[in-house]
Amino acid sequence: MVTATTADRGAGRAPVRRLTVLYDAGCPLCAFLRGWLMKQRQLVPLDLVPAGSAGARRRFPRLDHAATFEEITVVADAGQVYRGPAAWVVCLWALREYRPMAHRFSTPAGARFARGAVIAASRYRESHRDRRVAGAGGGAYLREDGWRYDPRGGWAYTGPATCGSGCSVAD
């Protein structure tokens, strides 16, 4: 699925020569998949960039960076933006050994399977996500190692998390 923001520029017809995958660096599943993607033979080069990072914001200043934490987002070099199941399919399409599978997932039956896989991954991510910052809203959360993500300002190091009465999250 290419977003409407690229269709008006004709980006949907442009050849894809490079893809940037925005992944949640605080998610164990995302970190594993990042490593897996980097080990695969790529027909289309993949750049893996932490979602919400300074690098992601510099590359894509008009992108909704808070949304990149909600579902996988892939941006092609001509400006195409893929989210959710379509993003996974385009990642597989970029890999030598998995391009035939990507073509199967682009069919109506395959798309239902890809959507189910993305939903399962999202549920896993939510169950393993670092604790949310109370009162921050909008997808802000605090990792146990002291890094905090707030969609309004990006990543910041705030020191080890505490639980109100001065104890650390690790206690």
N, C-alpha and C. Protein backbone atom coordinates (compact mmCIF):
# COMPACT_ATOMS: atom_id res chain seq x y z
N MET A 1 0.84 -1.18 0.00
CA MET A 1 0.00 0.00 0.00
C MET A 1 0.88 1.24 0.00
N VAL A 2 0.83 2.02 -1.03
CA VAL A 2 1.55 3.28 -1.12
C VAL A 2 0.60 4.36 -0.64
N THR A 3 1.07 5.26 0.19
CA THR A 3 0.18 6.29 0.72
C THR A 3 -0.18 7.31 -0.34
N ALA A 4 -1.27 8.00 -0.13
CA ALA A 4 -1.75 9.00 -1.08
C ALA A 4 -0.78 10.15 -1.23
N THR A 5 0.04 10.40 -0.24
CA THR A 5 0.97 11.52 -0.32
C THR A 5 2.01 11.32 -1.41
N THR A 6 2.27 10.08 -1.80
CA THR A 6 3.24 9.86 -2.87
C THR A 6 2.59 9.72 -4.23
N ALA A 7 1.34 9.31 -4.27
CA ALA A 7 0.67 9.06 -5.54
C ALA A 7 0.57 10.33 -6.39
N ASP A 8 0.35 11.48 -5.75
CA ASP A 8 0.20 12.71 -6.52
C ASP A 8 1.51 13.18 -7.15
N ARG A 9 2.64 12.68 -6.71
CA ARG A 9 3.93 13.04 -7.28
C ARG A 9 4.40 12.02 -8.32
N GLY A 10 3.61 10.98 -8.53
CA GLY A 10 4.00 9.95 -9.47
C GLY A 10 5.04 9.00 -8.90
N ALA A 11 5.30 9.05 -7.60
CA ALA A 11 6.31 8.20 -7.00
C ALA A 11 5.95 6.73 -7.08
N GLY A 12 4.67 6.42 -7.17
CA GLY A 12 4.25 5.03 -7.27
C GLY A 12 4.75 4.35 -8.53
N ARG A 13 5.09 5.12 -9.56
CA ARG A 13 5.58 4.56 -10.82
C ARG A 13 7.11 4.57 -10.90
N ALA A 14 7.77 5.17 -9.93
CA ALA A 14 9.23 5.29 -9.96
C ALA A 14 9.88 3.97 -9.55
N PRO A 15 11.01 3.63 -10.16
CA PRO A 15 11.70 2.40 -9.76
C PRO A 15 12.25 2.55 -8.33
N VAL A 16 12.27 1.45 -7.61
CA VAL A 16 12.78 1.44 -6.23
C VAL A 16 14.23 0.95 -6.28
N ARG A 17 15.14 1.79 -5.84
CA ARG A 17 16.57 1.45 -5.85
C ARG A 17 17.13 1.28 -4.45
N ARG A 18 16.40 1.77 -3.44
CA ARG A 18 16.87 1.69 -2.04
C ARG A 18 15.65 1.86 -1.14
N LEU A 19 15.66 1.15 -0.01
CA LEU A 19 14.57 1.24 0.96
C LEU A 19 15.12 1.57 2.34
N THR A 20 14.42 2.41 3.05
CA THR A 20 14.76 2.69 4.45
C THR A 20 13.68 2.08 5.32
N VAL A 21 14.09 1.19 6.22
CA VAL A 21 13.18 0.53 7.15
C VAL A 21 13.30 1.23 8.50
N LEU A 22 12.20 1.79 8.97
CA LEU A 22 12.17 2.43 10.28
C LEU A 22 11.66 1.40 11.28
N TYR A 23 12.50 1.06 12.25
CA TYR A 23 12.14 0.01 13.20
C TYR A 23 12.25 0.54 14.63
N ASP A 24 11.53 -0.08 15.54
CA ASP A 24 11.52 0.31 16.95
C ASP A 24 12.73 -0.32 17.63
N ALA A 25 13.75 0.47 17.89
CA ALA A 25 14.99 -0.04 18.49
C ALA A 25 14.78 -0.56 19.91
N GLY A 26 13.69 -0.18 20.57
CA GLY A 26 13.41 -0.64 21.92
C GLY A 26 12.61 -1.93 21.97
N CYS A 27 12.30 -2.49 20.83
CA CYS A 27 11.49 -3.71 20.76
C CYS A 27 12.40 -4.90 20.47
N PRO A 28 12.37 -5.93 21.33
CA PRO A 28 13.23 -7.09 21.07
C PRO A 28 12.95 -7.79 19.74
N LEU A 29 11.68 -7.88 19.36
CA LEU A 29 11.33 -8.51 18.08
C LEU A 29 11.87 -7.68 16.92
N CYS A 30 11.71 -6.37 17.00
CA CYS A 30 12.19 -5.49 15.93
C CYS A 30 13.71 -5.56 15.81
N ALA A 31 14.40 -5.60 16.94
CA ALA A 31 15.87 -5.70 16.92
C ALA A 31 16.31 -7.02 16.29
N PHE A 32 15.61 -8.11 16.62
CA PHE A 32 15.91 -9.40 16.02
C PHE A 32 15.70 -9.36 14.51
N LEU A 33 14.56 -8.81 14.08
CA LEU A 33 14.26 -8.75 12.65
C LEU A 33 15.22 -7.83 11.90
N ARG A 34 15.66 -6.77 12.55
CA ARG A 34 16.68 -5.89 11.96
C ARG A 34 17.93 -6.70 11.64
N GLY A 35 18.40 -7.47 12.64
CA GLY A 35 19.59 -8.29 12.44
C GLY A 35 19.39 -9.33 11.35
N TRP A 36 18.20 -9.94 11.33
CA TRP A 36 17.88 -10.94 10.30
C TRP A 36 17.91 -10.30 8.91
N LEU A 37 17.28 -9.15 8.77
CA LEU A 37 17.25 -8.47 7.47
C LEU A 37 18.66 -8.13 6.99
N MET A 38 19.52 -7.70 7.90
CA MET A 38 20.88 -7.31 7.51
C MET A 38 21.72 -8.51 7.06
N LYS A 39 21.36 -9.71 7.51
CA LYS A 39 22.12 -10.91 7.14
C LYS A 39 21.68 -11.49 5.80
N GLN A 40 20.55 -11.05 5.28
CA GLN A 40 20.01 -11.60 4.04
C GLN A 40 20.67 -10.95 2.82
N ARG A 41 20.72 -11.71 1.71
CA ARG A 41 21.21 -11.14 0.46
C ARG A 41 20.14 -10.22 -0.09
N GLN A 42 20.51 -8.99 -0.36
CA GLN A 42 19.55 -7.96 -0.75
C GLN A 42 19.66 -7.66 -2.24
N LEU A 43 18.51 -7.70 -2.92
CA LEU A 43 18.43 -7.26 -4.31
C LEU A 43 18.28 -5.74 -4.36
N VAL A 44 17.61 -5.21 -3.35
CA VAL A 44 17.45 -3.76 -3.18
C VAL A 44 18.06 -3.44 -1.81
N PRO A 45 19.03 -2.54 -1.75
CA PRO A 45 19.66 -2.23 -0.47
C PRO A 45 18.66 -1.71 0.56
N LEU A 46 18.82 -2.20 1.80
CA LEU A 46 18.00 -1.76 2.91
C LEU A 46 18.84 -0.96 3.89
N ASP A 47 18.35 0.21 4.25
CA ASP A 47 18.93 1.00 5.33
C ASP A 47 18.00 0.84 6.52
N LEU A 48 18.51 0.37 7.65
CA LEU A 48 17.67 0.20 8.83
C LEU A 48 17.98 1.32 9.81
N VAL A 49 16.97 2.12 10.11
CA VAL A 49 17.13 3.32 10.92
C VAL A 49 16.14 3.26 12.08
N PRO A 50 16.59 3.51 13.31
CA PRO A 50 15.65 3.52 14.44
C PRO A 50 14.54 4.55 14.23
N ALA A 51 13.31 4.12 14.45
CA ALA A 51 12.16 5.02 14.34
C ALA A 51 12.29 6.14 15.36
N GLY A 52 11.94 7.33 14.96
CA GLY A 52 11.96 8.48 15.86
C GLY A 52 13.33 9.04 16.14
N SER A 53 14.37 8.45 15.59
CA SER A 53 15.74 8.91 15.85
C SER A 53 16.01 10.22 15.10
N ALA A 54 17.10 10.86 15.47
CA ALA A 54 17.50 12.09 14.79
C ALA A 54 17.75 11.81 13.29
N GLY A 55 18.34 10.65 13.00
CA GLY A 55 18.58 10.28 11.61
C GLY A 55 17.29 10.12 10.82
N ALA A 56 16.29 9.49 11.44
CA ALA A 56 14.99 9.32 10.77
C ALA A 56 14.33 10.67 10.54
N ARG A 57 14.39 11.55 11.54
CA ARG A 57 13.77 12.87 11.41
C ARG A 57 14.50 13.72 10.36
N ARG A 58 15.80 13.58 10.27
CA ARG A 58 16.57 14.34 9.28
C ARG A 58 16.25 13.84 7.86
N ARG A 59 16.16 12.52 7.68
CA ARG A 59 15.87 11.96 6.37
C ARG A 59 14.46 12.25 5.90
N PHE A 60 13.51 12.19 6.85
CA PHE A 60 12.09 12.29 6.50
C PHE A 60 11.39 13.32 7.40
N PRO A 61 11.67 14.59 7.22
CA PRO A 61 11.12 15.61 8.13
C PRO A 61 9.60 15.72 8.10
N ARG A 62 8.96 15.33 7.01
CA ARG A 62 7.48 15.46 6.91
C ARG A 62 6.74 14.20 7.31
N LEU A 63 7.45 13.15 7.66
CA LEU A 63 6.84 11.88 8.04
C LEU A 63 6.27 11.97 9.46
N ASP A 64 5.16 11.30 9.72
CA ASP A 64 4.59 11.21 11.06
C ASP A 64 5.42 10.19 11.84
N HIS A 65 6.40 10.65 12.60
CA HIS A 65 7.33 9.76 13.28
C HIS A 65 6.68 9.01 14.44
N ALA A 66 5.65 9.55 15.05
CA ALA A 66 4.93 8.82 16.10
C ALA A 66 4.28 7.57 15.51
N ALA A 67 3.77 7.67 14.29
CA ALA A 67 3.12 6.53 13.64
C ALA A 67 4.11 5.42 13.32
N THR A 68 5.39 5.75 13.18
CA THR A 68 6.38 4.72 12.86
C THR A 68 6.61 3.78 14.03
N PHE A 69 6.18 4.17 15.23
CA PHE A 69 6.26 3.28 16.38
C PHE A 69 5.06 2.35 16.46
N GLU A 70 3.99 2.72 15.81
CA GLU A 70 2.77 1.91 15.86
C GLU A 70 2.82 0.74 14.90
N GLU A 71 3.45 0.92 13.74
CA GLU A 71 3.58 -0.17 12.78
C GLU A 71 4.82 0.07 11.93
N ILE A 72 5.37 -1.02 11.41
CA ILE A 72 6.57 -0.91 10.59
C ILE A 72 6.30 0.05 9.43
N THR A 73 7.30 0.86 9.16
CA THR A 73 7.21 1.84 8.07
C THR A 73 8.47 1.70 7.21
N VAL A 74 8.27 1.64 5.90
CA VAL A 74 9.37 1.57 4.95
C VAL A 74 9.20 2.71 3.97
N VAL A 75 10.29 3.44 3.71
CA VAL A 75 10.26 4.55 2.78
C VAL A 75 11.22 4.24 1.64
N ALA A 76 10.71 4.30 0.42
CA ALA A 76 11.54 4.05 -0.77
C ALA A 76 12.24 5.35 -1.19
N ASP A 77 13.27 5.20 -1.98
CA ASP A 77 14.08 6.35 -2.37
C ASP A 77 13.32 7.37 -3.21
N ALA A 78 12.23 6.98 -3.85
CA ALA A 78 11.45 7.95 -4.64
C ALA A 78 10.31 8.55 -3.83
N GLY A 79 10.24 8.22 -2.53
CA GLY A 79 9.24 8.83 -1.66
C GLY A 79 8.05 7.95 -1.33
N GLN A 80 7.96 6.75 -1.90
CA GLN A 80 6.86 5.87 -1.55
C GLN A 80 6.96 5.50 -0.07
N VAL A 81 5.81 5.46 0.61
CA VAL A 81 5.77 5.10 2.02
C VAL A 81 4.87 3.88 2.16
N TYR A 82 5.41 2.83 2.78
CA TYR A 82 4.68 1.59 3.01
C TYR A 82 4.54 1.40 4.51
N ARG A 83 3.36 0.98 4.96
CA ARG A 83 3.12 0.74 6.37
C ARG A 83 2.46 -0.62 6.57
N GLY A 84 2.66 -1.18 7.75
CA GLY A 84 2.00 -2.42 8.12
C GLY A 84 2.36 -3.57 7.20
N PRO A 85 1.36 -4.37 6.78
CA PRO A 85 1.63 -5.55 5.94
C PRO A 85 2.36 -5.21 4.65
N ALA A 86 2.01 -4.10 4.01
CA ALA A 86 2.68 -3.72 2.77
C ALA A 86 4.17 -3.47 3.00
N ALA A 87 4.51 -2.94 4.18
CA ALA A 87 5.92 -2.70 4.49
C ALA A 87 6.68 -4.02 4.62
N TRP A 88 6.06 -5.01 5.28
CA TRP A 88 6.71 -6.32 5.38
C TRP A 88 6.88 -6.95 4.00
N VAL A 89 5.87 -6.83 3.16
CA VAL A 89 5.95 -7.42 1.83
C VAL A 89 7.07 -6.75 1.03
N VAL A 90 7.20 -5.44 1.11
CA VAL A 90 8.25 -4.77 0.35
C VAL A 90 9.63 -5.13 0.90
N CYS A 91 9.75 -5.37 2.21
CA CYS A 91 11.03 -5.83 2.77
C CYS A 91 11.40 -7.19 2.21
N LEU A 92 10.43 -8.12 2.16
CA LEU A 92 10.69 -9.44 1.60
C LEU A 92 11.02 -9.33 0.11
N TRP A 93 10.34 -8.42 -0.59
CA TRP A 93 10.58 -8.21 -2.02
C TRP A 93 12.03 -7.77 -2.26
N ALA A 94 12.61 -7.07 -1.32
CA ALA A 94 13.99 -6.58 -1.47
C ALA A 94 15.03 -7.68 -1.29
N LEU A 95 14.62 -8.83 -0.74
CA LEU A 95 15.56 -9.90 -0.43
C LEU A 95 15.58 -10.97 -1.51
N ARG A 96 16.76 -11.40 -1.87
CA ARG A 96 16.93 -12.38 -2.95
C ARG A 96 16.13 -13.66 -2.71
N GLU A 97 16.26 -14.25 -1.55
CA GLU A 97 15.63 -15.54 -1.28
C GLU A 97 14.13 -15.43 -1.01
N TYR A 98 13.63 -14.24 -0.73
CA TYR A 98 12.24 -14.09 -0.31
C TYR A 98 11.37 -13.32 -1.30
N ARG A 99 11.93 -12.93 -2.44
CA ARG A 99 11.12 -12.20 -3.42
C ARG A 99 9.94 -13.03 -3.93
N PRO A 100 10.10 -14.33 -4.20
CA PRO A 100 8.92 -15.11 -4.61
C PRO A 100 7.84 -15.12 -3.52
N MET A 101 8.23 -15.19 -2.26
CA MET A 101 7.26 -15.15 -1.17
C MET A 101 6.54 -13.80 -1.15
N ALA A 102 7.27 -12.73 -1.39
CA ALA A 102 6.66 -11.40 -1.43
C ALA A 102 5.60 -11.33 -2.51
N HIS A 103 5.87 -11.94 -3.66
CA HIS A 103 4.88 -11.95 -4.74
C HIS A 103 3.62 -12.72 -4.32
N ARG A 104 3.81 -13.83 -3.58
CA ARG A 104 2.64 -14.58 -3.09
C ARG A 104 1.86 -13.76 -2.07
N PHE A 105 2.56 -13.01 -1.21
CA PHE A 105 1.89 -12.18 -0.20
C PHE A 105 1.18 -10.98 -0.82
N SER A 106 1.50 -10.65 -2.06
CA SER A 106 0.84 -9.51 -2.70
C SER A 106 -0.49 -9.90 -3.33
N THR A 107 -0.83 -11.19 -3.30
CA THR A 107 -2.15 -11.64 -3.78
C THR A 107 -3.18 -11.41 -2.67
N PRO A 108 -4.48 -11.42 -3.00
CA PRO A 108 -5.49 -11.23 -1.95
C PRO A 108 -5.38 -12.24 -0.81
N ALA A 109 -5.17 -13.51 -1.11
CA ALA A 109 -5.04 -14.53 -0.05
C ALA A 109 -3.76 -14.30 0.75
N GLY A 110 -2.67 -14.00 0.07
CA GLY A 110 -1.40 -13.75 0.75
C GLY A 110 -1.45 -12.51 1.61
N ALA A 111 -2.17 -11.49 1.14
CA ALA A 111 -2.29 -10.24 1.91
C ALA A 111 -2.99 -10.50 3.24
N ARG A 112 -3.99 -11.39 3.25
CA ARG A 112 -4.67 -11.73 4.52
C ARG A 112 -3.69 -12.40 5.48
N PHE A 113 -2.85 -13.29 4.95
CA PHE A 113 -1.85 -13.94 5.79
C PHE A 113 -0.83 -12.93 6.32
N ALA A 114 -0.36 -12.04 5.45
CA ALA A 114 0.61 -11.02 5.87
C ALA A 114 0.01 -10.13 6.95
N ARG A 115 -1.25 -9.76 6.79
CA ARG A 115 -1.93 -8.93 7.79
C ARG A 115 -2.00 -9.65 9.13
N GLY A 116 -2.31 -10.95 9.11
CA GLY A 116 -2.35 -11.73 10.35
C GLY A 116 -0.99 -11.78 11.02
N ALA A 117 0.07 -11.92 10.24
CA ALA A 117 1.43 -11.95 10.81
C ALA A 117 1.78 -10.61 11.44
N VAL A 118 1.38 -9.51 10.80
CA VAL A 118 1.66 -8.18 11.35
C VAL A 118 0.87 -7.96 12.65
N ILE A 119 -0.36 -8.42 12.69
CA ILE A 119 -1.16 -8.29 13.91
C ILE A 119 -0.52 -9.09 15.04
N ALA A 120 -0.08 -10.30 14.76
CA ALA A 120 0.59 -11.12 15.78
C ALA A 120 1.87 -10.43 16.28
N ALA A 121 2.64 -9.89 15.35
CA ALA A 121 3.87 -9.18 15.75
C ALA A 121 3.54 -7.96 16.60
N SER A 122 2.49 -7.23 16.24
CA SER A 122 2.09 -6.05 17.02
C SER A 122 1.69 -6.42 18.43
N ARG A 123 0.97 -7.52 18.57
CA ARG A 123 0.56 -7.97 19.91
C ARG A 123 1.79 -8.37 20.73
N TYR A 124 2.73 -9.04 20.10
CA TYR A 124 3.97 -9.40 20.79
C TYR A 124 4.71 -8.14 21.25
N ARG A 125 4.83 -7.18 20.34
CA ARG A 125 5.53 -5.93 20.66
C ARG A 125 4.88 -5.23 21.85
N GLU A 126 3.56 -5.14 21.82
CA GLU A 126 2.86 -4.45 22.92
C GLU A 126 3.07 -5.17 24.24
N SER A 127 3.11 -6.50 24.22
CA SER A 127 3.29 -7.23 25.46
C SER A 127 4.71 -7.14 25.99
N HIS A 128 5.66 -6.77 25.14
CA HIS A 128 7.06 -6.66 25.55
C HIS A 128 7.59 -5.23 25.54
N ARG A 129 6.74 -4.28 25.24
CA ARG A 129 7.17 -2.89 25.18
C ARG A 129 7.57 -2.41 26.56
N ASP A 130 8.60 -1.59 26.60
CA ASP A 130 9.03 -1.00 27.87
C ASP A 130 7.89 -0.16 28.43
N ARG A 131 7.94 0.10 29.71
CA ARG A 131 6.79 0.72 30.37
C ARG A 131 6.51 2.11 29.81
N ARG A 132 5.23 2.39 29.67
CA ARG A 132 4.78 3.69 29.16
C ARG A 132 4.99 4.74 30.23
N VAL A 133 5.22 5.95 29.79
CA VAL A 133 5.39 7.06 30.72
C VAL A 133 4.01 7.53 31.13
N ALA A 134 3.73 7.49 32.43
CA ALA A 134 2.42 7.89 32.95
C ALA A 134 2.15 9.35 32.62
N GLY A 135 0.97 9.61 32.05
CA GLY A 135 0.55 10.98 31.77
C GLY A 135 1.16 11.59 30.52
N ALA A 136 2.09 10.91 29.86
CA ALA A 136 2.73 11.50 28.69
C ALA A 136 1.83 11.40 27.47
N GLY A 137 1.06 10.32 27.37
CA GLY A 137 0.13 10.15 26.26
C GLY A 137 0.84 10.11 24.92
N GLY A 138 0.06 9.86 23.88
CA GLY A 138 0.56 9.93 22.51
C GLY A 138 1.68 8.98 22.17
N GLY A 139 1.81 7.85 22.87
CA GLY A 139 2.82 6.87 22.52
C GLY A 139 4.16 7.07 23.19
N ALA A 140 4.28 8.00 24.14
CA ALA A 140 5.54 8.19 24.84
C ALA A 140 5.79 6.99 25.75
N TYR A 141 7.04 6.57 25.85
CA TYR A 141 7.38 5.51 26.79
C TYR A 141 8.81 5.66 27.25
N LEU A 142 9.10 4.99 28.36
CA LEU A 142 10.41 5.05 29.00
C LEU A 142 11.00 3.66 29.02
N ARG A 143 12.21 3.53 28.50
CA ARG A 143 12.88 2.23 28.54
C ARG A 143 13.60 2.09 29.86
N GLU A 144 13.82 0.85 30.26
CA GLU A 144 14.48 0.59 31.53
C GLU A 144 15.91 1.13 31.57
N ASP A 145 16.56 1.25 30.43
CA ASP A 145 17.94 1.74 30.42
C ASP A 145 18.04 3.26 30.51
N GLY A 146 16.88 3.94 30.64
CA GLY A 146 16.89 5.38 30.83
C GLY A 146 16.58 6.20 29.60
N TRP A 147 16.43 5.56 28.45
CA TRP A 147 16.06 6.30 27.24
C TRP A 147 14.56 6.47 27.20
N ARG A 148 14.12 7.67 26.84
CA ARG A 148 12.70 7.99 26.78
C ARG A 148 12.38 8.44 25.36
N TYR A 149 11.25 7.95 24.84
CA TYR A 149 10.78 8.42 23.54
C TYR A 149 9.48 9.17 23.74
N ASP A 150 9.45 10.37 23.21
CA ASP A 150 8.24 11.18 23.22
C ASP A 150 8.03 11.62 21.77
N PRO A 151 6.88 11.32 21.17
CA PRO A 151 6.67 11.67 19.76
C PRO A 151 6.86 13.15 19.47
N ARG A 152 6.67 13.99 20.45
CA ARG A 152 6.82 15.44 20.21
C ARG A 152 8.28 15.85 20.12
N GLY A 153 9.18 15.13 20.80
CA GLY A 153 10.57 15.57 20.81
C GLY A 153 11.58 14.52 20.46
N GLY A 154 11.15 13.27 20.25
CA GLY A 154 12.08 12.21 19.89
C GLY A 154 12.70 11.55 21.11
N TRP A 155 13.90 11.01 20.93
CA TRP A 155 14.59 10.27 21.97
C TRP A 155 15.37 11.21 22.88
N ALA A 156 15.40 10.90 24.18
CA ALA A 156 16.19 11.65 25.15
C ALA A 156 16.61 10.69 26.25
N TYR A 157 17.81 10.89 26.77
CA TYR A 157 18.27 10.08 27.89
C TYR A 157 17.92 10.80 29.18
N THR A 158 17.16 10.13 30.04
CA THR A 158 16.72 10.74 31.30
C THR A 158 17.29 10.04 32.52
N GLY A 159 18.11 9.03 32.33
CA GLY A 159 18.64 8.26 33.45
C GLY A 159 17.74 7.07 33.73
N PRO A 160 18.19 6.19 34.62
CA PRO A 160 17.38 5.00 34.92
C PRO A 160 15.98 5.36 35.39
N ALA A 161 15.00 4.58 34.96
CA ALA A 161 13.60 4.82 35.32
C ALA A 161 13.39 4.59 36.82
N THR A 162 12.52 5.36 37.40
CA THR A 162 12.16 5.16 38.80
C THR A 162 10.67 4.93 38.92
N CYS A 163 10.27 4.38 40.03
CA CYS A 163 8.86 4.03 40.20
C CYS A 163 8.19 4.87 41.28
N GLY A 164 8.37 6.15 41.23
CA GLY A 164 7.62 7.05 42.10
C GLY A 164 8.25 7.29 43.46
N SER A 165 8.61 6.23 44.19
CA SER A 165 9.15 6.42 45.53
C SER A 165 10.67 6.32 45.54
N GLY A 166 11.28 6.48 44.37
CA GLY A 166 12.73 6.51 44.30
C GLY A 166 13.36 5.18 43.93
N CYS A 167 12.60 4.10 43.88
CA CYS A 167 13.19 2.82 43.49
C CYS A 167 13.35 2.78 41.98
N SER A 168 14.35 2.07 41.50
CA SER A 168 14.53 2.00 40.06
C SER A 168 13.69 0.87 39.50
N VAL A 169 13.43 0.92 38.20
CA VAL A 169 12.64 -0.11 37.54
C VAL A 169 13.28 -1.48 37.73
N ALA A 170 14.59 -1.53 37.80
CA ALA A 170 15.29 -2.81 37.93
C ALA A 170 15.12 -3.43 39.33
N ASP A 171 14.67 -2.64 40.33
CA ASP A 171 14.50 -3.16 41.69
C ASP A 171 13.43 -4.21 41.78
